């Protein structure tokens, strides 16, 4: 992995999470009907941090669930190996709730589309809003985030790598050079 730039450090990540939590509370006029759904893997940890920040700001602990969209992806059948499926953990009713779906990076929009399909199989929410730490552009689907931590325009030869202490032992966002694809694979 060749790092081109560090976009967000630990202090910046905490500041961004605080801002996103405030925006979510303000745009929903409180937290009364909200639930948070984090997309595996880093989206779940981001959602947990936003949940904690909302409790700190608003005093309410809102429900938090974790969504695995592996089997909803439109590309899992194209891969030769068996997809690695994790567990969706949503232990509360989604019907008539205002869902904040949370992920780390928005790129083509295909992951979010899969998440929307999965959520609709679990209930009929009032609204689904999308919160993302980084929007890097290059959409292939008509998807737009309601809450964006940082817009990072990238070239097709770059990637955005989010690191979170829960899985990576550091908090940071890096712009990296994409590994070259081997066309014979």
N, C-alpha and C. Protein backbone atom coordinates (compact mmCIF):
# COMPACT_ATOMS: atom_id res chain seq x y z
N UNK A 1 0.85 -1.18 0.00
CA UNK A 1 0.00 0.00 0.00
C UNK A 1 0.90 1.24 0.00
N UNK A 2 0.81 2.02 -1.07
CA UNK A 2 1.59 3.24 -1.15
C UNK A 2 0.71 4.43 -0.75
N UNK A 3 1.04 5.04 0.38
CA UNK A 3 0.27 6.18 0.90
C UNK A 3 0.65 7.44 0.14
N UNK A 4 -0.35 8.11 -0.41
CA UNK A 4 -0.11 9.38 -1.10
C UNK A 4 -0.28 10.55 -0.14
N UNK A 5 -1.27 10.43 0.78
CA UNK A 5 -1.51 11.51 1.74
C UNK A 5 -2.38 11.00 2.88
N UNK A 6 -2.16 11.58 4.07
CA UNK A 6 -3.08 11.35 5.17
C UNK A 6 -4.11 12.47 5.11
N UNK A 7 -5.36 12.11 4.97
CA UNK A 7 -6.44 13.08 4.80
C UNK A 7 -7.02 13.50 6.16
N UNK A 8 -7.19 12.53 7.04
CA UNK A 8 -7.76 12.80 8.37
C UNK A 8 -6.91 12.05 9.39
N UNK A 9 -6.59 12.73 10.49
CA UNK A 9 -5.87 12.08 11.59
C UNK A 9 -6.87 11.77 12.71
N UNK A 10 -6.37 11.29 13.84
CA UNK A 10 -7.24 10.89 14.94
C UNK A 10 -8.09 12.06 15.46
N UNK A 11 -7.49 13.22 15.63
CA UNK A 11 -8.21 14.40 16.12
C UNK A 11 -9.27 14.81 15.10
N UNK A 12 -8.89 14.80 13.84
CA UNK A 12 -9.83 15.17 12.77
C UNK A 12 -10.99 14.20 12.67
N UNK A 13 -10.73 12.91 12.88
CA UNK A 13 -11.80 11.91 12.83
C UNK A 13 -12.79 12.14 13.96
N UNK A 14 -12.29 12.41 15.14
CA UNK A 14 -13.18 12.68 16.28
C UNK A 14 -14.02 13.94 16.03
N UNK A 15 -13.39 14.96 15.49
CA UNK A 15 -14.11 16.21 15.18
C UNK A 15 -15.19 15.95 14.12
N UNK A 16 -14.89 15.14 13.12
CA UNK A 16 -15.84 14.83 12.06
C UNK A 16 -17.03 14.05 12.61
N UNK A 17 -16.77 13.09 13.48
CA UNK A 17 -17.85 12.31 14.09
C UNK A 17 -18.75 13.21 14.94
N UNK A 18 -18.15 14.15 15.66
CA UNK A 18 -18.94 15.09 16.46
C UNK A 18 -19.86 15.92 15.56
N UNK A 19 -19.32 16.42 14.44
CA UNK A 19 -20.13 17.21 13.51
C UNK A 19 -21.26 16.39 12.91
N UNK A 20 -20.96 15.16 12.49
CA UNK A 20 -21.99 14.30 11.92
C UNK A 20 -23.11 14.03 12.93
N UNK A 21 -22.75 13.78 14.18
CA UNK A 21 -23.76 13.54 15.22
C UNK A 21 -24.66 14.76 15.40
N UNK A 22 -24.06 15.95 15.43
CA UNK A 22 -24.86 17.18 15.56
C UNK A 22 -25.80 17.35 14.37
N UNK A 23 -25.31 17.09 13.15
CA UNK A 23 -26.14 17.24 11.95
C UNK A 23 -27.31 16.26 11.97
N UNK A 24 -27.06 15.03 12.39
CA UNK A 24 -28.12 14.02 12.46
C UNK A 24 -29.20 14.45 13.44
N UNK A 25 -28.80 14.90 14.62
CA UNK A 25 -29.77 15.35 15.63
C UNK A 25 -30.57 16.54 15.11
N UNK A 26 -29.87 17.52 14.55
CA UNK A 26 -30.53 18.73 14.07
C UNK A 26 -31.50 18.44 12.93
N UNK A 27 -31.07 17.68 11.93
CA UNK A 27 -31.92 17.41 10.77
C UNK A 27 -33.14 16.55 11.11
N UNK A 28 -33.07 15.79 12.21
CA UNK A 28 -34.18 14.94 12.61
C UNK A 28 -34.97 15.52 13.78
N UNK A 29 -34.64 16.75 14.15
CA UNK A 29 -35.32 17.44 15.27
C UNK A 29 -35.32 16.58 16.52
N UNK A 30 -34.15 16.03 16.82
CA UNK A 30 -34.00 15.17 17.99
C UNK A 30 -33.74 13.74 17.59
N UNK A 31 -33.85 12.85 18.57
CA UNK A 31 -33.50 11.45 18.33
C UNK A 31 -34.64 10.49 18.60
N UNK A 32 -35.83 11.01 18.84
CA UNK A 32 -36.96 10.19 19.27
C UNK A 32 -37.29 8.99 18.41
N UNK A 33 -37.16 9.09 17.10
CA UNK A 33 -37.56 7.99 16.22
C UNK A 33 -36.37 7.39 15.47
N UNK A 34 -35.15 7.78 15.85
CA UNK A 34 -33.96 7.35 15.12
C UNK A 34 -33.44 5.99 15.55
N UNK A 35 -32.88 5.27 14.58
CA UNK A 35 -32.06 4.09 14.83
C UNK A 35 -30.85 4.21 13.92
N UNK A 36 -29.73 3.69 14.37
CA UNK A 36 -28.50 3.68 13.57
C UNK A 36 -28.22 2.26 13.10
N UNK A 37 -27.85 2.15 11.83
CA UNK A 37 -27.46 0.86 11.26
C UNK A 37 -26.09 1.03 10.63
N UNK A 38 -25.09 0.35 11.19
CA UNK A 38 -23.74 0.41 10.65
C UNK A 38 -23.50 -0.76 9.71
N UNK A 39 -22.87 -0.47 8.58
CA UNK A 39 -22.56 -1.51 7.60
C UNK A 39 -21.21 -2.13 7.94
N UNK A 40 -21.16 -3.45 7.99
CA UNK A 40 -19.91 -4.14 8.28
C UNK A 40 -18.84 -3.73 7.30
N UNK A 41 -17.64 -3.50 7.63
CA UNK A 41 -17.04 -3.64 8.93
C UNK A 41 -16.83 -2.27 9.58
N UNK A 42 -16.20 -1.35 8.89
CA UNK A 42 -15.88 -0.08 9.52
C UNK A 42 -17.11 0.78 9.76
N UNK A 43 -18.16 0.58 8.98
CA UNK A 43 -19.40 1.32 9.20
C UNK A 43 -20.02 1.01 10.55
N UNK A 44 -19.85 -0.23 11.02
CA UNK A 44 -20.40 -0.58 12.33
C UNK A 44 -19.67 0.15 13.45
N UNK A 45 -18.35 0.30 13.32
CA UNK A 45 -17.59 0.99 14.36
C UNK A 45 -17.83 2.49 14.30
N UNK A 46 -17.98 3.02 13.10
CA UNK A 46 -18.33 4.42 12.93
C UNK A 46 -19.71 4.69 13.54
N UNK A 47 -20.66 3.80 13.30
CA UNK A 47 -22.01 3.94 13.86
C UNK A 47 -21.98 3.92 15.39
N UNK A 48 -21.16 3.05 15.95
CA UNK A 48 -21.05 2.97 17.42
C UNK A 48 -20.50 4.28 17.99
N UNK A 49 -19.52 4.84 17.31
CA UNK A 49 -18.96 6.11 17.78
C UNK A 49 -19.97 7.25 17.64
N UNK A 50 -20.75 7.25 16.57
CA UNK A 50 -21.79 8.27 16.40
C UNK A 50 -22.86 8.08 17.46
N UNK A 51 -23.22 6.83 17.76
CA UNK A 51 -24.19 6.56 18.82
C UNK A 51 -23.71 7.13 20.16
N UNK A 52 -22.46 6.90 20.48
CA UNK A 52 -21.89 7.40 21.73
C UNK A 52 -21.89 8.93 21.75
N UNK A 53 -21.56 9.54 20.63
CA UNK A 53 -21.51 11.01 20.55
C UNK A 53 -22.92 11.60 20.67
N UNK A 54 -23.90 10.96 20.06
CA UNK A 54 -25.29 11.42 20.17
C UNK A 54 -25.75 11.34 21.62
N UNK A 55 -25.40 10.26 22.31
CA UNK A 55 -25.78 10.13 23.72
C UNK A 55 -25.13 11.24 24.55
N UNK A 56 -23.87 11.54 24.25
CA UNK A 56 -23.15 12.61 24.95
C UNK A 56 -23.82 13.97 24.72
N UNK A 57 -24.27 14.22 23.48
CA UNK A 57 -24.87 15.51 23.12
C UNK A 57 -26.32 15.61 23.59
N UNK A 58 -27.11 14.56 23.29
CA UNK A 58 -28.56 14.60 23.44
C UNK A 58 -29.06 13.90 24.70
N UNK A 59 -28.22 13.03 25.28
CA UNK A 59 -28.63 12.31 26.48
C UNK A 59 -29.40 11.04 26.19
N UNK A 60 -29.74 10.76 24.93
CA UNK A 60 -30.50 9.56 24.58
C UNK A 60 -29.59 8.53 23.93
N UNK A 61 -29.76 7.27 24.36
CA UNK A 61 -29.03 6.19 23.70
C UNK A 61 -29.97 5.56 22.69
N UNK A 62 -29.67 5.77 21.43
CA UNK A 62 -30.54 5.25 20.38
C UNK A 62 -30.08 3.86 19.96
N UNK A 63 -31.02 3.07 19.44
CA UNK A 63 -30.71 1.70 19.02
C UNK A 63 -29.67 1.69 17.92
N UNK A 64 -28.82 0.67 17.98
CA UNK A 64 -27.75 0.48 17.01
C UNK A 64 -27.79 -0.95 16.51
N UNK A 65 -27.80 -1.10 15.20
CA UNK A 65 -27.75 -2.42 14.58
C UNK A 65 -26.59 -2.50 13.62
N UNK A 66 -26.25 -3.73 13.23
CA UNK A 66 -25.16 -3.97 12.29
C UNK A 66 -25.71 -4.77 11.11
N UNK A 67 -25.38 -4.32 9.91
CA UNK A 67 -25.91 -4.94 8.69
C UNK A 67 -24.78 -5.54 7.86
N UNK A 68 -24.94 -6.81 7.51
CA UNK A 68 -24.02 -7.46 6.57
C UNK A 68 -24.77 -7.59 5.24
N UNK A 69 -24.19 -7.06 4.18
CA UNK A 69 -24.88 -7.04 2.88
C UNK A 69 -24.23 -7.99 1.87
N UNK A 70 -23.38 -8.88 2.32
CA UNK A 70 -22.61 -9.74 1.42
C UNK A 70 -23.49 -10.42 0.37
N UNK A 71 -24.56 -11.05 0.79
CA UNK A 71 -25.40 -11.80 -0.15
C UNK A 71 -26.31 -10.91 -0.99
N UNK A 72 -26.35 -9.62 -0.70
CA UNK A 72 -27.14 -8.68 -1.49
C UNK A 72 -26.32 -7.99 -2.56
N UNK A 73 -25.01 -8.16 -2.52
CA UNK A 73 -24.13 -7.49 -3.50
C UNK A 73 -24.37 -8.07 -4.88
N UNK A 74 -24.31 -7.20 -5.89
CA UNK A 74 -24.51 -7.66 -7.26
C UNK A 74 -23.26 -8.28 -7.86
N UNK A 75 -22.15 -8.25 -7.14
CA UNK A 75 -20.91 -8.80 -7.69
C UNK A 75 -20.45 -10.09 -7.03
N UNK A 76 -21.17 -10.58 -5.99
CA UNK A 76 -20.65 -11.75 -5.29
C UNK A 76 -20.73 -13.01 -6.15
N UNK A 77 -21.67 -13.08 -7.08
CA UNK A 77 -21.77 -14.24 -7.96
C UNK A 77 -20.65 -14.26 -9.01
N UNK A 78 -20.06 -13.09 -9.28
CA UNK A 78 -19.02 -12.98 -10.29
C UNK A 78 -17.67 -13.46 -9.76
N UNK A 79 -17.50 -13.48 -8.45
CA UNK A 79 -16.23 -13.92 -7.86
C UNK A 79 -16.16 -15.43 -7.85
N UNK A 80 -14.97 -15.97 -7.99
CA UNK A 80 -14.81 -17.42 -8.01
C UNK A 80 -14.90 -18.03 -6.63
N UNK A 81 -14.44 -17.30 -5.62
CA UNK A 81 -14.45 -17.87 -4.28
C UNK A 81 -15.79 -17.61 -3.59
N UNK A 82 -16.07 -18.43 -2.59
CA UNK A 82 -17.29 -18.30 -1.80
C UNK A 82 -17.24 -17.00 -1.00
N UNK A 83 -18.34 -16.20 -1.00
CA UNK A 83 -18.30 -14.96 -0.22
C UNK A 83 -18.24 -15.25 1.28
N UNK A 84 -17.54 -14.38 2.00
CA UNK A 84 -17.45 -14.51 3.45
C UNK A 84 -18.62 -13.74 4.06
N UNK A 85 -19.54 -14.48 4.64
CA UNK A 85 -20.76 -13.89 5.17
C UNK A 85 -20.61 -13.66 6.67
N UNK A 86 -20.95 -12.47 7.11
CA UNK A 86 -20.96 -12.14 8.54
C UNK A 86 -22.41 -12.14 9.01
N UNK A 87 -22.62 -11.70 10.21
CA UNK A 87 -23.95 -11.73 10.79
C UNK A 87 -24.54 -10.34 10.83
N UNK A 88 -25.80 -10.24 10.40
CA UNK A 88 -26.57 -9.02 10.60
C UNK A 88 -27.12 -9.09 12.01
N UNK A 89 -26.97 -8.01 12.76
CA UNK A 89 -27.45 -7.97 14.13
C UNK A 89 -28.33 -6.74 14.32
N UNK A 90 -29.62 -6.95 14.09
CA UNK A 90 -30.61 -5.89 14.30
C UNK A 90 -31.70 -6.51 15.17
N UNK A 91 -31.72 -6.12 16.44
CA UNK A 91 -32.59 -6.77 17.42
C UNK A 91 -33.80 -5.92 17.77
N UNK A 92 -34.14 -4.98 16.91
CA UNK A 92 -35.27 -4.09 17.17
C UNK A 92 -36.06 -3.92 15.88
N UNK A 93 -37.29 -3.45 16.02
CA UNK A 93 -38.20 -3.27 14.89
C UNK A 93 -37.78 -2.07 14.05
N UNK A 94 -37.71 -2.24 12.74
CA UNK A 94 -37.37 -1.14 11.84
C UNK A 94 -38.61 -0.43 11.28
N UNK A 95 -39.77 -1.02 11.46
CA UNK A 95 -40.99 -0.44 10.91
C UNK A 95 -41.26 0.95 11.49
N UNK A 96 -41.52 1.88 10.58
CA UNK A 96 -41.86 3.27 10.93
C UNK A 96 -40.73 4.02 11.63
N UNK A 97 -39.52 3.51 11.58
CA UNK A 97 -38.37 4.19 12.18
C UNK A 97 -37.65 5.04 11.14
N UNK A 98 -36.92 6.02 11.61
CA UNK A 98 -36.03 6.82 10.76
C UNK A 98 -34.65 6.21 10.91
N UNK A 99 -34.20 5.55 9.87
CA UNK A 99 -32.93 4.84 9.90
C UNK A 99 -31.82 5.74 9.38
N UNK A 100 -30.72 5.76 10.11
CA UNK A 100 -29.49 6.37 9.64
C UNK A 100 -28.56 5.21 9.29
N UNK A 101 -28.36 4.97 8.00
CA UNK A 101 -27.47 3.94 7.51
C UNK A 101 -26.07 4.54 7.44
N UNK A 102 -25.08 3.85 7.99
CA UNK A 102 -23.74 4.43 8.15
C UNK A 102 -22.68 3.52 7.53
N UNK A 103 -21.81 4.12 6.71
CA UNK A 103 -20.68 3.40 6.12
C UNK A 103 -19.46 4.31 6.12
N UNK A 104 -18.30 3.72 5.84
CA UNK A 104 -17.06 4.51 5.88
C UNK A 104 -16.80 5.27 4.59
N UNK A 105 -16.91 4.61 3.42
CA UNK A 105 -16.57 5.26 2.16
C UNK A 105 -17.70 5.04 1.14
N UNK A 106 -18.10 6.10 0.49
CA UNK A 106 -19.05 6.03 -0.62
C UNK A 106 -18.27 6.16 -1.91
N UNK A 107 -18.43 5.17 -2.78
CA UNK A 107 -17.70 5.14 -4.04
C UNK A 107 -18.71 4.99 -5.18
N UNK A 108 -18.95 3.79 -5.67
CA UNK A 108 -19.84 3.60 -6.82
C UNK A 108 -21.31 3.67 -6.45
N UNK A 109 -21.64 3.38 -5.20
CA UNK A 109 -23.03 3.36 -4.75
C UNK A 109 -23.61 1.95 -4.71
N UNK A 110 -22.88 0.97 -5.21
CA UNK A 110 -23.40 -0.40 -5.27
C UNK A 110 -23.57 -1.02 -3.88
N UNK A 111 -22.67 -0.72 -2.96
CA UNK A 111 -22.79 -1.25 -1.61
C UNK A 111 -24.02 -0.68 -0.92
N UNK A 112 -24.28 0.59 -1.11
CA UNK A 112 -25.45 1.23 -0.49
C UNK A 112 -26.73 0.67 -1.10
N UNK A 113 -26.74 0.44 -2.40
CA UNK A 113 -27.91 -0.15 -3.04
C UNK A 113 -28.20 -1.51 -2.43
N UNK A 114 -27.17 -2.31 -2.22
CA UNK A 114 -27.34 -3.62 -1.60
C UNK A 114 -27.88 -3.48 -0.17
N UNK A 115 -27.37 -2.49 0.56
CA UNK A 115 -27.84 -2.26 1.94
C UNK A 115 -29.32 -1.86 1.96
N UNK A 116 -29.74 -1.04 1.02
CA UNK A 116 -31.15 -0.65 0.94
C UNK A 116 -32.04 -1.87 0.70
N UNK A 117 -31.61 -2.76 -0.20
CA UNK A 117 -32.36 -3.99 -0.44
C UNK A 117 -32.47 -4.82 0.84
N UNK A 118 -31.35 -4.96 1.55
CA UNK A 118 -31.34 -5.74 2.78
C UNK A 118 -32.25 -5.13 3.84
N UNK A 119 -32.21 -3.81 3.99
CA UNK A 119 -33.06 -3.14 4.98
C UNK A 119 -34.54 -3.32 4.67
N UNK A 120 -34.89 -3.22 3.39
CA UNK A 120 -36.30 -3.37 3.02
C UNK A 120 -36.80 -4.79 3.26
N UNK A 121 -35.91 -5.77 3.25
CA UNK A 121 -36.30 -7.14 3.59
C UNK A 121 -36.54 -7.31 5.09
N UNK A 122 -36.04 -6.37 5.89
CA UNK A 122 -36.16 -6.46 7.35
C UNK A 122 -37.31 -5.64 7.92
N UNK A 123 -37.92 -4.78 7.12
CA UNK A 123 -39.02 -3.97 7.63
C UNK A 123 -39.36 -2.83 6.70
N UNK A 124 -40.29 -1.99 7.14
CA UNK A 124 -40.73 -0.84 6.35
C UNK A 124 -40.49 0.43 7.15
N UNK A 125 -39.27 1.00 7.03
CA UNK A 125 -38.96 2.22 7.79
C UNK A 125 -39.69 3.44 7.23
N UNK A 126 -39.82 4.47 8.06
CA UNK A 126 -40.38 5.75 7.60
C UNK A 126 -39.42 6.38 6.61
N UNK A 127 -38.14 6.48 7.00
CA UNK A 127 -37.12 7.05 6.13
C UNK A 127 -35.82 6.28 6.30
N UNK A 128 -34.99 6.34 5.27
CA UNK A 128 -33.62 5.86 5.37
C UNK A 128 -32.73 7.00 4.92
N UNK A 129 -31.87 7.44 5.82
CA UNK A 129 -30.90 8.49 5.52
C UNK A 129 -29.53 7.83 5.51
N UNK A 130 -28.63 8.38 4.71
CA UNK A 130 -27.31 7.77 4.56
C UNK A 130 -26.23 8.70 5.06
N UNK A 131 -25.38 8.17 5.93
CA UNK A 131 -24.26 8.91 6.51
C UNK A 131 -22.96 8.19 6.13
N UNK A 132 -22.01 8.95 5.62
CA UNK A 132 -20.74 8.36 5.20
C UNK A 132 -19.60 9.23 5.70
N UNK A 133 -18.53 8.59 6.11
CA UNK A 133 -17.35 9.33 6.56
C UNK A 133 -16.68 10.03 5.39
N UNK A 134 -16.50 9.32 4.26
CA UNK A 134 -15.81 9.87 3.09
C UNK A 134 -16.61 9.59 1.83
N UNK A 135 -16.83 10.63 1.03
CA UNK A 135 -17.41 10.48 -0.30
C UNK A 135 -16.30 10.74 -1.29
N UNK A 136 -15.94 9.72 -2.07
CA UNK A 136 -14.82 9.86 -3.00
C UNK A 136 -15.24 10.03 -4.46
N UNK A 137 -16.56 10.07 -4.72
CA UNK A 137 -17.03 10.26 -6.09
C UNK A 137 -17.05 8.97 -6.89
N UNK A 138 -17.20 9.10 -8.21
CA UNK A 138 -17.22 7.98 -9.17
C UNK A 138 -18.47 7.12 -9.06
N UNK A 139 -19.62 7.72 -8.89
CA UNK A 139 -20.87 6.99 -8.72
C UNK A 139 -21.27 6.23 -9.98
N UNK A 140 -21.77 5.01 -9.79
CA UNK A 140 -22.37 4.20 -10.84
C UNK A 140 -23.87 4.05 -10.63
N UNK A 141 -24.34 4.45 -9.47
CA UNK A 141 -25.75 4.38 -9.10
C UNK A 141 -26.19 5.77 -8.66
N UNK A 142 -27.49 6.08 -8.78
CA UNK A 142 -27.95 7.40 -8.35
C UNK A 142 -28.10 7.47 -6.82
N UNK A 143 -26.97 7.46 -6.13
CA UNK A 143 -26.92 7.45 -4.67
C UNK A 143 -26.21 8.71 -4.20
N UNK A 144 -26.77 9.34 -3.17
CA UNK A 144 -26.16 10.54 -2.59
C UNK A 144 -26.30 10.45 -1.07
N UNK A 145 -25.23 10.76 -0.37
CA UNK A 145 -25.27 10.72 1.10
C UNK A 145 -25.96 11.96 1.65
N UNK A 146 -26.71 11.76 2.73
CA UNK A 146 -27.36 12.88 3.43
C UNK A 146 -26.38 13.57 4.37
N UNK A 147 -25.42 12.81 4.88
CA UNK A 147 -24.42 13.34 5.81
C UNK A 147 -23.05 12.86 5.33
N UNK A 148 -22.15 13.80 5.10
CA UNK A 148 -20.82 13.47 4.59
C UNK A 148 -19.78 14.08 5.52
N UNK A 149 -18.88 13.23 6.01
CA UNK A 149 -17.79 13.72 6.85
C UNK A 149 -16.81 14.55 6.04
N UNK A 150 -16.39 14.02 4.89
CA UNK A 150 -15.43 14.73 4.05
C UNK A 150 -15.56 14.24 2.62
N UNK A 151 -15.60 15.19 1.69
CA UNK A 151 -15.54 14.88 0.27
C UNK A 151 -14.08 14.83 -0.14
N UNK A 152 -13.66 13.72 -0.73
CA UNK A 152 -12.29 13.57 -1.19
C UNK A 152 -12.34 13.15 -2.66
N UNK A 153 -12.28 14.11 -3.58
CA UNK A 153 -12.28 13.73 -4.99
C UNK A 153 -11.04 12.89 -5.30
N UNK A 154 -11.24 11.76 -5.95
CA UNK A 154 -10.14 10.86 -6.25
C UNK A 154 -10.09 10.57 -7.74
N UNK A 155 -8.93 10.10 -8.18
CA UNK A 155 -8.84 9.57 -9.54
C UNK A 155 -9.17 8.09 -9.46
N UNK A 156 -9.37 7.49 -10.60
CA UNK A 156 -9.70 6.07 -10.64
C UNK A 156 -8.52 5.21 -10.18
N UNK A 157 -7.31 5.78 -10.20
CA UNK A 157 -6.10 5.07 -9.77
C UNK A 157 -5.79 5.26 -8.29
N UNK A 158 -6.72 5.84 -7.54
CA UNK A 158 -6.53 6.07 -6.11
C UNK A 158 -7.63 5.36 -5.33
N UNK A 159 -7.34 5.10 -4.08
CA UNK A 159 -8.31 4.54 -3.15
C UNK A 159 -8.29 5.36 -1.87
N UNK A 160 -9.37 5.27 -1.12
CA UNK A 160 -9.44 5.87 0.20
C UNK A 160 -9.45 4.73 1.21
N UNK A 161 -8.52 4.76 2.14
CA UNK A 161 -8.41 3.73 3.16
C UNK A 161 -8.72 4.33 4.52
N UNK A 162 -9.82 3.88 5.12
CA UNK A 162 -10.21 4.32 6.46
C UNK A 162 -9.65 3.31 7.45
N UNK A 163 -8.96 3.82 8.45
CA UNK A 163 -8.44 2.96 9.51
C UNK A 163 -9.11 3.38 10.82
N UNK A 164 -9.57 2.38 11.56
CA UNK A 164 -10.22 2.63 12.85
C UNK A 164 -9.57 1.73 13.89
N UNK A 165 -9.38 2.28 15.08
CA UNK A 165 -8.68 1.58 16.15
C UNK A 165 -9.26 0.19 16.44
N UNK A 166 -10.56 0.05 16.29
CA UNK A 166 -11.20 -1.22 16.60
C UNK A 166 -10.67 -2.38 15.76
N UNK A 167 -10.22 -2.10 14.53
CA UNK A 167 -9.73 -3.16 13.65
C UNK A 167 -8.34 -2.90 13.09
N UNK A 168 -7.87 -1.66 13.14
CA UNK A 168 -6.61 -1.30 12.50
C UNK A 168 -5.57 -0.73 13.46
N UNK A 169 -5.89 -0.58 14.71
CA UNK A 169 -5.02 -0.03 15.76
C UNK A 169 -4.64 1.44 15.56
N UNK A 170 -5.32 2.14 14.65
CA UNK A 170 -5.14 3.60 14.52
C UNK A 170 -6.40 4.20 13.92
N UNK A 171 -6.59 5.48 14.16
CA UNK A 171 -7.67 6.25 13.55
C UNK A 171 -7.07 7.19 12.52
N UNK A 172 -7.42 6.97 11.25
CA UNK A 172 -6.90 7.83 10.19
C UNK A 172 -7.63 7.53 8.89
N UNK A 173 -7.53 8.47 7.96
CA UNK A 173 -8.01 8.25 6.59
C UNK A 173 -6.86 8.60 5.66
N UNK A 174 -6.54 7.66 4.78
CA UNK A 174 -5.42 7.83 3.85
C UNK A 174 -5.92 7.79 2.41
N UNK A 175 -5.24 8.56 1.56
CA UNK A 175 -5.38 8.45 0.13
C UNK A 175 -4.22 7.58 -0.33
N UNK A 176 -4.53 6.47 -0.99
CA UNK A 176 -3.47 5.55 -1.40
C UNK A 176 -3.53 5.30 -2.91
N UNK A 177 -2.41 4.85 -3.42
CA UNK A 177 -2.33 4.46 -4.82
C UNK A 177 -2.95 3.07 -4.94
N UNK A 178 -3.87 2.91 -5.89
CA UNK A 178 -4.49 1.61 -6.09
C UNK A 178 -3.47 0.60 -6.57
N UNK A 179 -3.57 -0.63 -6.05
CA UNK A 179 -2.69 -1.66 -6.59
C UNK A 179 -3.06 -1.92 -8.05
N UNK A 180 -2.07 -2.17 -8.86
CA UNK A 180 -2.32 -2.44 -10.28
C UNK A 180 -3.05 -3.77 -10.42
N UNK A 181 -4.10 -3.77 -11.23
CA UNK A 181 -4.87 -4.99 -11.47
C UNK A 181 -4.11 -5.90 -12.44
N UNK A 182 -4.04 -7.17 -12.13
CA UNK A 182 -3.43 -8.15 -13.02
C UNK A 182 -4.53 -8.63 -13.97
N UNK A 183 -4.42 -8.27 -15.23
CA UNK A 183 -5.46 -8.57 -16.21
C UNK A 183 -5.61 -10.06 -16.48
N UNK A 184 -4.62 -10.88 -16.11
CA UNK A 184 -4.73 -12.31 -16.35
C UNK A 184 -5.53 -13.03 -15.26
N UNK A 185 -5.87 -12.35 -14.19
CA UNK A 185 -6.63 -12.98 -13.10
C UNK A 185 -8.10 -12.99 -13.40
